[in-house]
Amino acid sequence: MKREAGSKEQEAVRNQITEFLNSSIGNSSIPKSLKAISPEMAIRLSIAFDTTPESWLNQQLQYDLRRAEQRRGELRVKRLTAA
């Protein structure tokens, strides 16, 4: 029962976001799954929240970089040296 109520609430939120941003992207990916903010979505969010698109894209970049840094030890890269 609790899970069903939660999914109904999420559906309502997705529908509100879709309507608010005038975008089907809201219905398909927010908050069902985490996706990167596209330049178009950054513009939509900047209009909705009276911010700049760059601020949204910068936040996305910082998030992506932080996640990549967490996996740094898994990377198998050899350091280049001068000949």
N, C-alpha and C. Protein backbone atom coordinates (compact mmCIF):
# COMPACT_ATOMS: atom_id res chain seq x y z
N MET A 1 0.81 -1.21 0.00
CA MET A 1 0.00 0.00 0.00
C MET A 1 0.84 1.27 0.00
N LYS A 2 1.87 1.28 0.88
CA LYS A 2 2.73 2.46 0.96
C LYS A 2 3.42 2.72 -0.36
N ARG A 3 3.91 1.66 -0.98
CA ARG A 3 4.62 1.80 -2.24
C ARG A 3 3.70 2.36 -3.33
N GLU A 4 2.45 1.90 -3.34
CA GLU A 4 1.48 2.37 -4.32
C GLU A 4 1.20 3.86 -4.13
N ALA A 5 1.06 4.28 -2.88
CA ALA A 5 0.82 5.70 -2.59
C ALA A 5 2.00 6.54 -3.04
N GLY A 6 3.23 6.03 -2.80
CA GLY A 6 4.42 6.76 -3.22
C GLY A 6 4.49 6.91 -4.72
N SER A 7 4.14 5.86 -5.45
CA SER A 7 4.20 5.95 -6.91
C SER A 7 3.13 6.90 -7.44
N LYS A 8 1.98 6.95 -6.77
CA LYS A 8 0.93 7.90 -7.17
C LYS A 8 1.41 9.33 -6.94
N GLU A 9 2.10 9.55 -5.82
CA GLU A 9 2.64 10.88 -5.54
C GLU A 9 3.70 11.26 -6.58
N GLN A 10 4.58 10.30 -6.90
CA GLN A 10 5.61 10.56 -7.91
C GLN A 10 4.97 10.87 -9.26
N GLU A 11 3.94 10.14 -9.60
CA GLU A 11 3.23 10.39 -10.86
C GLU A 11 2.66 11.81 -10.87
N ALA A 12 2.08 12.23 -9.75
CA ALA A 12 1.52 13.58 -9.66
C ALA A 12 2.61 14.63 -9.81
N VAL A 13 3.75 14.39 -9.16
CA VAL A 13 4.87 15.33 -9.27
C VAL A 13 5.36 15.39 -10.72
N ARG A 14 5.54 14.23 -11.35
CA ARG A 14 5.98 14.21 -12.75
C ARG A 14 5.01 14.97 -13.64
N ASN A 15 3.72 14.80 -13.41
CA ASN A 15 2.73 15.51 -14.22
C ASN A 15 2.83 17.02 -14.01
N GLN A 16 3.04 17.44 -12.76
CA GLN A 16 3.18 18.88 -12.48
C GLN A 16 4.43 19.44 -13.16
N ILE A 17 5.53 18.71 -13.08
CA ILE A 17 6.77 19.16 -13.70
C ILE A 17 6.59 19.25 -15.21
N THR A 18 5.95 18.24 -15.78
CA THR A 18 5.71 18.24 -17.23
C THR A 18 4.92 19.47 -17.64
N GLU A 19 3.86 19.76 -16.90
CA GLU A 19 3.03 20.92 -17.21
C GLU A 19 3.80 22.22 -16.99
N PHE A 20 4.52 22.30 -15.87
CA PHE A 20 5.24 23.51 -15.51
C PHE A 20 6.33 23.86 -16.52
N LEU A 21 7.08 22.84 -16.96
CA LEU A 21 8.18 23.08 -17.89
C LEU A 21 7.75 22.95 -19.35
N ASN A 22 6.47 22.61 -19.56
CA ASN A 22 5.95 22.42 -20.90
C ASN A 22 6.84 21.46 -21.68
N SER A 23 7.11 20.31 -21.06
CA SER A 23 8.05 19.37 -21.65
C SER A 23 7.66 17.95 -21.32
N SER A 24 7.65 17.08 -22.33
CA SER A 24 7.38 15.67 -22.08
C SER A 24 8.56 15.03 -21.37
N ILE A 25 9.72 15.69 -21.36
CA ILE A 25 10.89 15.18 -20.66
C ILE A 25 10.56 14.99 -19.19
N GLY A 26 9.81 15.92 -18.62
CA GLY A 26 9.45 15.82 -17.22
C GLY A 26 8.70 14.53 -16.92
N ASN A 27 7.79 14.15 -17.78
CA ASN A 27 7.00 12.96 -17.54
C ASN A 27 7.82 11.69 -17.67
N SER A 28 8.78 11.68 -18.56
CA SER A 28 9.50 10.44 -18.81
C SER A 28 10.72 10.25 -17.90
N SER A 29 11.31 11.33 -17.40
CA SER A 29 12.57 11.12 -16.68
C SER A 29 12.69 11.78 -15.32
N ILE A 30 11.73 12.55 -14.90
CA ILE A 30 11.84 13.20 -13.60
C ILE A 30 10.69 12.73 -12.74
N PRO A 31 10.86 12.15 -11.61
CA PRO A 31 12.09 11.70 -11.01
C PRO A 31 12.33 10.19 -11.20
N LYS A 32 11.70 9.57 -12.19
CA LYS A 32 11.87 8.12 -12.40
C LYS A 32 13.33 7.71 -12.45
N SER A 33 14.11 8.41 -13.22
CA SER A 33 15.53 8.08 -13.30
C SER A 33 16.31 9.38 -13.37
N LEU A 34 17.56 9.30 -12.99
CA LEU A 34 18.40 10.48 -13.03
C LEU A 34 19.04 10.58 -14.40
N LYS A 35 18.82 11.68 -15.04
CA LYS A 35 19.42 11.92 -16.34
C LYS A 35 20.13 13.26 -16.29
N ALA A 36 21.10 13.39 -17.15
CA ALA A 36 21.84 14.66 -17.22
C ALA A 36 20.91 15.77 -17.72
N ILE A 37 21.17 16.97 -17.24
CA ILE A 37 20.41 18.12 -17.70
C ILE A 37 20.95 18.53 -19.06
N SER A 38 20.08 18.53 -20.04
CA SER A 38 20.47 18.93 -21.40
C SER A 38 20.48 20.46 -21.48
N PRO A 39 21.11 21.01 -22.51
CA PRO A 39 21.07 22.47 -22.68
C PRO A 39 19.64 23.00 -22.78
N GLU A 40 18.77 22.28 -23.47
CA GLU A 40 17.37 22.73 -23.59
C GLU A 40 16.69 22.73 -22.23
N MET A 41 16.90 21.67 -21.45
CA MET A 41 16.28 21.61 -20.13
C MET A 41 16.87 22.69 -19.22
N ALA A 42 18.15 22.98 -19.38
CA ALA A 42 18.77 24.05 -18.60
C ALA A 42 18.08 25.39 -18.89
N ILE A 43 17.75 25.62 -20.14
CA ILE A 43 17.04 26.86 -20.51
C ILE A 43 15.65 26.87 -19.88
N ARG A 44 14.94 25.73 -19.98
CA ARG A 44 13.61 25.65 -19.38
C ARG A 44 13.67 25.91 -17.87
N LEU A 45 14.63 25.27 -17.19
CA LEU A 45 14.77 25.45 -15.74
C LEU A 45 15.14 26.89 -15.40
N SER A 46 15.99 27.51 -16.24
CA SER A 46 16.38 28.89 -15.97
C SER A 46 15.20 29.85 -16.10
N ILE A 47 14.32 29.56 -17.03
CA ILE A 47 13.11 30.38 -17.16
C ILE A 47 12.20 30.16 -15.96
N ALA A 48 12.02 28.90 -15.59
CA ALA A 48 11.11 28.56 -14.50
C ALA A 48 11.58 29.13 -13.16
N PHE A 49 12.89 29.11 -12.91
CA PHE A 49 13.42 29.52 -11.61
C PHE A 49 14.14 30.86 -11.64
N ASP A 50 14.07 31.57 -12.77
CA ASP A 50 14.70 32.88 -12.93
C ASP A 50 16.19 32.83 -12.57
N THR A 51 16.87 31.87 -13.22
CA THR A 51 18.31 31.71 -13.06
C THR A 51 18.93 31.70 -14.45
N THR A 52 20.18 31.30 -14.55
CA THR A 52 20.81 31.21 -15.87
C THR A 52 20.93 29.75 -16.28
N PRO A 53 20.89 29.48 -17.59
CA PRO A 53 21.10 28.11 -18.05
C PRO A 53 22.49 27.60 -17.66
N GLU A 54 23.46 28.51 -17.67
CA GLU A 54 24.83 28.13 -17.31
C GLU A 54 24.92 27.58 -15.89
N SER A 55 24.12 28.15 -14.98
CA SER A 55 24.17 27.67 -13.60
C SER A 55 23.69 26.22 -13.52
N TRP A 56 22.69 25.86 -14.30
CA TRP A 56 22.19 24.48 -14.31
C TRP A 56 23.20 23.54 -14.95
N LEU A 57 23.79 23.99 -16.06
CA LEU A 57 24.78 23.14 -16.72
C LEU A 57 26.04 22.99 -15.87
N ASN A 58 26.42 24.04 -15.16
CA ASN A 58 27.58 23.96 -14.28
C ASN A 58 27.33 22.98 -13.13
N GLN A 59 26.13 23.01 -12.58
CA GLN A 59 25.79 22.06 -11.53
C GLN A 59 25.85 20.63 -12.05
N GLN A 60 25.37 20.43 -13.27
CA GLN A 60 25.43 19.10 -13.88
C GLN A 60 26.88 18.66 -14.08
N LEU A 61 27.71 19.58 -14.56
CA LEU A 61 29.12 19.28 -14.78
C LEU A 61 29.81 18.91 -13.46
N GLN A 62 29.56 19.69 -12.41
CA GLN A 62 30.16 19.41 -11.11
C GLN A 62 29.71 18.05 -10.58
N TYR A 63 28.45 17.72 -10.76
CA TYR A 63 27.93 16.43 -10.33
C TYR A 63 28.61 15.29 -11.10
N ASP A 64 28.69 15.44 -12.41
CA ASP A 64 29.31 14.40 -13.25
C ASP A 64 30.79 14.22 -12.88
N LEU A 65 31.49 15.31 -12.67
CA LEU A 65 32.90 15.25 -12.33
C LEU A 65 33.11 14.57 -10.97
N ARG A 66 32.27 14.91 -10.01
CA ARG A 66 32.36 14.29 -8.68
C ARG A 66 32.14 12.78 -8.77
N ARG A 67 31.16 12.36 -9.56
CA ARG A 67 30.91 10.92 -9.74
C ARG A 67 32.08 10.24 -10.43
N ALA A 68 32.67 10.89 -11.43
CA ALA A 68 33.81 10.31 -12.13
C ALA A 68 35.01 10.20 -11.19
N GLU A 69 35.23 11.20 -10.36
CA GLU A 69 36.34 11.17 -9.41
C GLU A 69 36.19 10.00 -8.43
N GLN A 70 34.98 9.67 -8.07
CA GLN A 70 34.74 8.55 -7.17
C GLN A 70 35.16 7.22 -7.80
N ARG A 71 35.17 7.17 -9.12
CA ARG A 71 35.56 5.94 -9.83
C ARG A 71 36.99 6.03 -10.36
N ARG A 72 37.73 7.03 -9.93
CA ARG A 72 39.08 7.27 -10.43
C ARG A 72 39.98 6.04 -10.27
N GLY A 73 39.89 5.35 -9.15
CA GLY A 73 40.73 4.19 -8.90
C GLY A 73 40.47 3.03 -9.86
N GLU A 74 39.32 3.01 -10.48
CA GLU A 74 38.98 1.95 -11.43
C GLU A 74 39.58 2.18 -12.81
N LEU A 75 40.05 3.39 -13.06
CA LEU A 75 40.58 3.72 -14.38
C LEU A 75 41.98 3.14 -14.54
N ARG A 76 42.22 2.52 -15.64
CA ARG A 76 43.53 1.94 -15.93
C ARG A 76 44.19 2.78 -17.03
N VAL A 77 44.85 3.84 -16.60
CA VAL A 77 45.48 4.77 -17.53
C VAL A 77 46.96 4.88 -17.16
N LYS A 78 47.81 4.80 -18.17
CA LYS A 78 49.23 4.97 -17.93
C LYS A 78 49.59 6.43 -18.07
N ARG A 79 50.45 6.89 -17.19
CA ARG A 79 50.90 8.27 -17.22
C ARG A 79 51.88 8.45 -18.39
N LEU A 80 51.71 9.52 -19.14
CA LEU A 80 52.61 9.84 -20.24
C LEU A 80 53.87 10.50 -19.67
N THR A 81 54.99 10.17 -20.24
CA THR A 81 56.25 10.81 -19.84
C THR A 81 56.92 11.39 -21.08
N ALA A 82 57.68 12.44 -20.85
CA ALA A 82 58.40 13.07 -21.97
C ALA A 82 59.49 12.12 -22.44
N ALA A 83 59.68 12.09 -23.76
CA ALA A 83 60.71 11.18 -24.32
C ALA A 83 62.09 11.73 -24.17
